[in-house]
Amino acid sequence: MKVIANGRERPVDPEWTVAEFIESLGLDPRFVIVELNGEALERGRFPGVGLAEGDHIEVVRAVAGG
């Protein structure tokens, strides 16, 4: 199955949740902001939201500093 992540097509396991996808990118789900199909997704929902073929997901890593 494939999704569009940050503008690039990426293969994903059909069973993956948003949290598992983020971890597959080498990121910690606690430190990212996610938009799924144009809607902001609350961090607490990452483990319970699955991905579907063709989903558009934007992942932004939160960075401290100024």
PDB file of N, CA and C in Angstrom:
ATOM      1  N   MET A   1       0.855  -1.168   0.000  1.00  0.00           N
ATOM      2  CA  MET A   1       0.000   0.000   0.000  1.00  0.00           C
ATOM      3  C   MET A   1       0.904   1.235   0.000  1.00  0.00           C
ATOM      4  N   LYS A   2       0.424   2.330  -0.584  1.00  0.00           N
ATOM      5  CA  LYS A   2       1.213   3.560  -0.638  1.00  0.00           C
ATOM      6  C   LYS A   2       0.411   4.756  -0.135  1.00  0.00           C
ATOM      7  N   VAL A   3       1.130   5.670   0.515  1.00  0.00           N
ATOM      8  CA  VAL A   3       0.568   6.946   0.945  1.00  0.00           C
ATOM      9  C   VAL A   3       1.471   8.048   0.402  1.00  0.00           C
ATOM     10  N   ILE A   4       0.969   9.262   0.447  1.00  0.00           N
ATOM     11  CA  ILE A   4       1.774  10.417   0.071  1.00  0.00           C
ATOM     12  C   ILE A   4       2.174  11.112   1.363  1.00  0.00           C
ATOM     13  N   ALA A   5       3.468  11.086   1.665  1.00  0.00           N
ATOM     14  CA  ALA A   5       3.978  11.669   2.906  1.00  0.00           C
ATOM     15  C   ALA A   5       4.905  12.826   2.570  1.00  0.00           C
ATOM     16  N   ASN A   6       4.535  14.005   3.034  1.00  0.00           N
ATOM     17  CA  ASN A   6       5.313  15.216   2.778  1.00  0.00           C
ATOM     18  C   ASN A   6       5.626  15.350   1.285  1.00  0.00           C
ATOM     19  N   GLY A   7       4.609  15.048   0.467  1.00  0.00           N
ATOM     20  CA  GLY A   7       4.724  15.228  -0.974  1.00  0.00           C
ATOM     21  C   GLY A   7       5.391  14.093  -1.727  1.00  0.00           C
ATOM     22  N   ARG A   8       5.801  13.029  -1.028  1.00  0.00           N
ATOM     23  CA  ARG A   8       6.468  11.909  -1.676  1.00  0.00           C
ATOM     24  C   ARG A   8       5.699  10.617  -1.430  1.00  0.00           C
ATOM     25  N   GLU A   9       5.597   9.818  -2.475  1.00  0.00           N
ATOM     26  CA  GLU A   9       4.938   8.528  -2.342  1.00  0.00           C
ATOM     27  C   GLU A   9       5.817   7.597  -1.509  1.00  0.00           C
ATOM     28  N   ARG A  10       5.196   6.929  -0.522  1.00  0.00           N
ATOM     29  CA  ARG A  10       5.943   6.021   0.355  1.00  0.00           C
ATOM     30  C   ARG A  10       5.143   4.749   0.553  1.00  0.00           C
ATOM     31  N   PRO A  11       5.828   3.605   0.496  1.00  0.00           N
ATOM     32  CA  PRO A  11       5.137   2.349   0.790  1.00  0.00           C
ATOM     33  C   PRO A  11       4.935   2.212   2.295  1.00  0.00           C
ATOM     34  N   VAL A  12       3.796   1.666   2.688  1.00  0.00           N
ATOM     35  CA  VAL A  12       3.503   1.421   4.100  1.00  0.00           C
ATOM     36  C   VAL A  12       2.842   0.058   4.247  1.00  0.00           C
ATOM     37  N   ASP A  13       2.966  -0.497   5.421  1.00  0.00           N
ATOM     38  CA  ASP A  13       2.288  -1.742   5.744  1.00  0.00           C
ATOM     39  C   ASP A  13       0.800  -1.418   5.934  1.00  0.00           C
ATOM     40  N   PRO A  14      -0.099  -2.185   5.350  1.00  0.00           N
ATOM     41  CA  PRO A  14      -1.535  -1.898   5.482  1.00  0.00           C
ATOM     42  C   PRO A  14      -2.046  -1.900   6.918  1.00  0.00           C
ATOM     43  N   GLU A  15      -1.315  -2.513   7.830  1.00  0.00           N
ATOM     44  CA  GLU A  15      -1.737  -2.586   9.224  1.00  0.00           C
ATOM     45  C   GLU A  15      -1.216  -1.429  10.073  1.00  0.00           C
ATOM     46  N   TRP A  16      -0.354  -0.583   9.509  1.00  0.00           N
ATOM     47  CA  TRP A  16       0.269   0.486  10.290  1.00  0.00           C
ATOM     48  C   TRP A  16      -0.717   1.548  10.746  1.00  0.00           C
ATOM     49  N   THR A  17      -0.465   2.033  11.945  1.00  0.00           N
ATOM     50  CA  THR A  17      -1.159   3.215  12.449  1.00  0.00           C
ATOM     51  C   THR A  17      -0.286   4.423  12.136  1.00  0.00           C
ATOM     52  N   VAL A  18      -0.822   5.608  12.395  1.00  0.00           N
ATOM     53  CA  VAL A  18      -0.032   6.829  12.204  1.00  0.00           C
ATOM     54  C   VAL A  18       1.223   6.770  13.074  1.00  0.00           C
ATOM     55  N   ALA A  19       1.098   6.299  14.307  1.00  0.00           N
ATOM     56  CA  ALA A  19       2.257   6.201  15.210  1.00  0.00           C
ATOM     57  C   ALA A  19       3.330   5.290  14.617  1.00  0.00           C
ATOM     58  N   GLU A  20       2.946   4.163  14.082  1.00  0.00           N
ATOM     59  CA  GLU A  20       3.916   3.225  13.504  1.00  0.00           C
ATOM     60  C   GLU A  20       4.576   3.822  12.266  1.00  0.00           C
ATOM     61  N   PHE A  21       3.813   4.556  11.469  1.00  0.00           N
ATOM     62  CA  PHE A  21       4.393   5.207  10.304  1.00  0.00           C
ATOM     63  C   PHE A  21       5.451   6.221  10.727  1.00  0.00           C
ATOM     64  N   ILE A  22       5.133   7.028  11.725  1.00  0.00           N
ATOM     65  CA  ILE A  22       6.083   8.034  12.217  1.00  0.00           C
ATOM     66  C   ILE A  22       7.355   7.353  12.717  1.00  0.00           C
ATOM     67  N   GLU A  23       7.197   6.273  13.463  1.00  0.00           N
ATOM     68  CA  GLU A  23       8.355   5.538  13.962  1.00  0.00           C
ATOM     69  C   GLU A  23       9.175   4.951  12.818  1.00  0.00           C
ATOM     70  N   SER A  24       8.516   4.555  11.723  1.00  0.00           N
ATOM     71  CA  SER A  24       9.246   4.010  10.571  1.00  0.00           C
ATOM     72  C   SER A  24      10.131   5.069   9.921  1.00  0.00           C
ATOM     73  N   LEU A  25       9.806   6.338  10.157  1.00  0.00           N
ATOM     74  CA  LEU A  25      10.616   7.442   9.634  1.00  0.00           C
ATOM     75  C   LEU A  25      11.782   7.772  10.564  1.00  0.00           C
ATOM     76  N   GLY A  26      11.861   7.053  11.681  1.00  0.00           N
ATOM     77  CA  GLY A  26      12.916   7.307  12.648  1.00  0.00           C
ATOM     78  C   GLY A  26      12.615   8.482  13.564  1.00  0.00           C
ATOM     79  N   LEU A  27      11.331   8.837  13.652  1.00  0.00           N
ATOM     80  CA  LEU A  27      10.929   9.975  14.475  1.00  0.00           C
ATOM     81  C   LEU A  27      10.168   9.484  15.709  1.00  0.00           C
ATOM     82  N   ASP A  28      10.186  10.289  16.737  1.00  0.00           N
ATOM     83  CA  ASP A  28       9.453  10.002  17.962  1.00  0.00           C
ATOM     84  C   ASP A  28       8.081  10.668  17.861  1.00  0.00           C
ATOM     85  N   PRO A  29       6.989   9.892  17.917  1.00  0.00           N
ATOM     86  CA  PRO A  29       5.658  10.477  17.772  1.00  0.00           C
ATOM     87  C   PRO A  29       5.338  11.592  18.772  1.00  0.00           C
ATOM     88  N   ARG A  30       6.058  11.631  19.892  1.00  0.00           N
ATOM     89  CA  ARG A  30       5.816  12.681  20.887  1.00  0.00           C
ATOM     90  C   ARG A  30       6.300  14.048  20.421  1.00  0.00           C
ATOM     91  N   PHE A  31       7.147  14.070  19.393  1.00  0.00           N
ATOM     92  CA  PHE A  31       7.768  15.328  18.992  1.00  0.00           C
ATOM     93  C   PHE A  31       7.464  15.719  17.545  1.00  0.00           C
ATOM     94  N   VAL A  32       6.315  15.295  17.044  1.00  0.00           N
ATOM     95  CA  VAL A  32       5.921  15.678  15.689  1.00  0.00           C
ATOM     96  C   VAL A  32       4.491  16.203  15.678  1.00  0.00           C
ATOM     97  N   ILE A  33       4.188  16.942  14.647  1.00  0.00           N
ATOM     98  CA  ILE A  33       2.837  17.415  14.366  1.00  0.00           C
ATOM     99  C   ILE A  33       2.410  16.722  13.081  1.00  0.00           C
ATOM    100  N   VAL A  34       1.174  16.222  13.050  1.00  0.00           N
ATOM    101  CA  VAL A  34       0.708  15.458  11.896  1.00  0.00           C
ATOM    102  C   VAL A  34      -0.593  16.029  11.362  1.00  0.00           C
ATOM    103  N   GLU A  35      -0.640  16.118  10.038  1.00  0.00           N
ATOM    104  CA  GLU A  35      -1.870  16.463   9.330  1.00  0.00           C
ATOM    105  C   GLU A  35      -2.183  15.279   8.425  1.00  0.00           C
ATOM    106  N   LEU A  36      -3.379  14.739   8.558  1.00  0.00           N
ATOM    107  CA  LEU A  36      -3.799  13.590   7.762  1.00  0.00           C
ATOM    108  C   LEU A  36      -4.962  14.003   6.879  1.00  0.00           C
ATOM    109  N   ASN A  37      -4.753  13.933   5.584  1.00  0.00           N
ATOM    110  CA  ASN A  37      -5.768  14.309   4.597  1.00  0.00           C
ATOM    111  C   ASN A  37      -6.320  15.712   4.861  1.00  0.00           C
ATOM    112  N   GLY A  38      -5.420  16.631   5.179  1.00  0.00           N
ATOM    113  CA  GLY A  38      -5.802  18.028   5.333  1.00  0.00           C
ATOM    114  C   GLY A  38      -6.317  18.430   6.702  1.00  0.00           C
ATOM    115  N   GLU A  39      -6.365  17.487   7.644  1.00  0.00           N
ATOM    116  CA  GLU A  39      -6.867  17.799   8.980  1.00  0.00           C
ATOM    117  C   GLU A  39      -5.805  17.490  10.029  1.00  0.00           C
ATOM    118  N   ALA A  40      -5.632  18.423  10.980  1.00  0.00           N
ATOM    119  CA  ALA A  40      -4.685  18.206  12.072  1.00  0.00           C
ATOM    120  C   ALA A  40      -5.143  17.001  12.893  1.00  0.00           C
ATOM    121  N   LEU A  41      -4.188  16.191  13.296  1.00  0.00           N
ATOM    122  CA  LEU A  41      -4.492  14.989  14.067  1.00  0.00           C
ATOM    123  C   LEU A  41      -3.893  15.141  15.460  1.00  0.00           C
ATOM    124  N   GLU A  42      -4.726  14.985  16.472  1.00  0.00           N
ATOM    125  CA  GLU A  42      -4.251  15.094  17.852  1.00  0.00           C
ATOM    126  C   GLU A  42      -3.267  13.965  18.154  1.00  0.00           C
ATOM    127  N   ARG A  43      -2.194  14.306  18.841  1.00  0.00           N
ATOM    128  CA  ARG A  43      -1.126  13.351  19.152  1.00  0.00           C
ATOM    129  C   ARG A  43      -1.657  12.094  19.844  1.00  0.00           C
ATOM    130  N   GLY A  44      -2.605  12.238  20.724  1.00  0.00           N
ATOM    131  CA  GLY A  44      -3.154  11.095  21.435  1.00  0.00           C
ATOM    132  C   GLY A  44      -3.876  10.098  20.547  1.00  0.00           C
ATOM    133  N   ARG A  45      -4.223  10.511  19.338  1.00  0.00           N
ATOM    134  CA  ARG A  45      -4.927   9.625  18.411  1.00  0.00           C
ATOM    135  C   ARG A  45      -3.990   8.850  17.486  1.00  0.00           C
ATOM    136  N   PHE A  46      -2.691   9.200  17.455  1.00  0.00           N
ATOM    137  CA  PHE A  46      -1.748   8.548  16.537  1.00  0.00           C
ATOM    138  C   PHE A  46      -1.801   7.022  16.609  1.00  0.00           C
ATOM    139  N   PRO A  47      -1.818   6.431  17.822  1.00  0.00           N
ATOM    140  CA  PRO A  47      -1.807   4.963  17.894  1.00  0.00           C
ATOM    141  C   PRO A  47      -3.099   4.297  17.424  1.00  0.00           C
ATOM    142  N   GLY A  48      -4.191   5.025  17.370  1.00  0.00           N
ATOM    143  CA  GLY A  48      -5.467   4.420  17.012  1.00  0.00           C
ATOM    144  C   GLY A  48      -5.960   4.716  15.610  1.00  0.00           C
ATOM    145  N   VAL A  49      -5.209   5.526  14.864  1.00  0.00           N
ATOM    146  CA  VAL A  49      -5.648   5.900  13.518  1.00  0.00           C
ATOM    147  C   VAL A  49      -4.821   5.135  12.489  1.00  0.00           C
ATOM    148  N   GLY A  50      -5.509   4.338  11.682  1.00  0.00           N
ATOM    149  CA  GLY A  50      -4.838   3.581  10.628  1.00  0.00           C
ATOM    150  C   GLY A  50      -4.671   4.413   9.369  1.00  0.00           C
ATOM    151  N   LEU A  51      -3.843   3.909   8.480  1.00  0.00           N
ATOM    152  CA  LEU A  51      -3.620   4.566   7.193  1.00  0.00           C
ATOM    153  C   LEU A  51      -4.324   3.783   6.095  1.00  0.00           C
ATOM    154  N   ALA A  52      -4.739   4.495   5.053  1.00  0.00           N
ATOM    155  CA  ALA A  52      -5.411   3.866   3.919  1.00  0.00           C
ATOM    156  C   ALA A  52      -4.681   4.243   2.631  1.00  0.00           C
ATOM    157  N   GLU A  53      -4.845   3.415   1.630  1.00  0.00           N
ATOM    158  CA  GLU A  53      -4.243   3.658   0.327  1.00  0.00           C
ATOM    159  C   GLU A  53      -4.525   5.083  -0.138  1.00  0.00           C
ATOM    160  N   GLY A  54      -3.457   5.796  -0.522  1.00  0.00           N
ATOM    161  CA  GLY A  54      -3.606   7.140  -1.070  1.00  0.00           C
ATOM    162  C   GLY A  54      -3.736   8.253  -0.047  1.00  0.00           C
ATOM    163  N   ASP A  55      -3.723   7.931   1.245  1.00  0.00           N
ATOM    164  CA  ASP A  55      -3.778   8.992   2.262  1.00  0.00           C
ATOM    165  C   ASP A  55      -2.652   9.993   2.050  1.00  0.00           C
ATOM    166  N   HIS A  56      -2.940  11.228   2.388  1.00  0.00           N
ATOM    167  CA  HIS A  56      -1.932  12.293   2.367  1.00  0.00           C
ATOM    168  C   HIS A  56      -1.608  12.630   3.811  1.00  0.00           C
ATOM    169  N   ILE A  57      -0.335  12.471   4.163  1.00  0.00           N
ATOM    170  CA  ILE A  57       0.084  12.729   5.533  1.00  0.00           C
ATOM    171  C   ILE A  57       1.269  13.694   5.518  1.00  0.00           C
ATOM    172  N   GLU A  58       1.162  14.727   6.329  1.00  0.00           N
ATOM    173  CA  GLU A  58       2.253  15.689   6.487  1.00  0.00           C
ATOM    174  C   GLU A  58       2.783  15.529   7.901  1.00  0.00           C
ATOM    175  N   VAL A  59       4.071  15.338   8.023  1.00  0.00           N
ATOM    176  CA  VAL A  59       4.705  15.145   9.312  1.00  0.00           C
ATOM    177  C   VAL A  59       5.748  16.251   9.486  1.00  0.00           C
ATOM    178  N   VAL A  60       5.608  17.010  10.554  1.00  0.00           N
ATOM    179  CA  VAL A  60       6.542  18.093  10.841  1.00  0.00           C
ATOM    180  C   VAL A  60       7.160  17.844  12.208  1.00  0.00           C
ATOM    181  N   ARG A  61       8.464  17.855  12.262  1.00  0.00           N
ATOM    182  CA  ARG A  61       9.152  17.631  13.537  1.00  0.00           C
ATOM    183  C   ARG A  61       9.243  18.947  14.301  1.00  0.00           C
ATOM    184  N   ALA A  62       8.833  18.903  15.549  1.00  0.00           N
ATOM    185  CA  ALA A  62       8.919  20.070  16.412  1.00  0.00           C
ATOM    186  C   ALA A  62      10.361  20.263  16.842  1.00  0.00           C
ATOM    187  N   VAL A  63      10.862  21.501  16.712  1.00  0.00           N
ATOM    188  CA  VAL A  63      12.241  21.809  17.054  1.00  0.00           C
ATOM    189  C   VAL A  63      12.240  22.978  18.020  1.00  0.00           C
ATOM    190  N   ALA A  64      12.939  22.818  19.128  1.00  0.00           N
ATOM    191  CA  ALA A  64      13.040  23.898  20.102  1.00  0.00           C
ATOM    192  C   ALA A  64      14.140  24.872  19.684  1.00  0.00           C
ATOM    193  N   GLY A  65      14.008  26.077  20.145  1.00  0.00           N
ATOM    194  CA  GLY A  65      15.046  27.067  19.848  1.00  0.00           C
ATOM    195  C   GLY A  65      14.456  28.291  19.196  1.00  0.00           C
ATOM    196  N   GLY A  66      15.302  29.210  18.870  1.00  0.00           N
ATOM    197  CA  GLY A  66      14.771  30.441  18.319  1.00  0.00           C
ATOM    198  C   GLY A  66      15.500  30.982  17.186  1.00  0.00           C
TER     199      GLY A  66
END
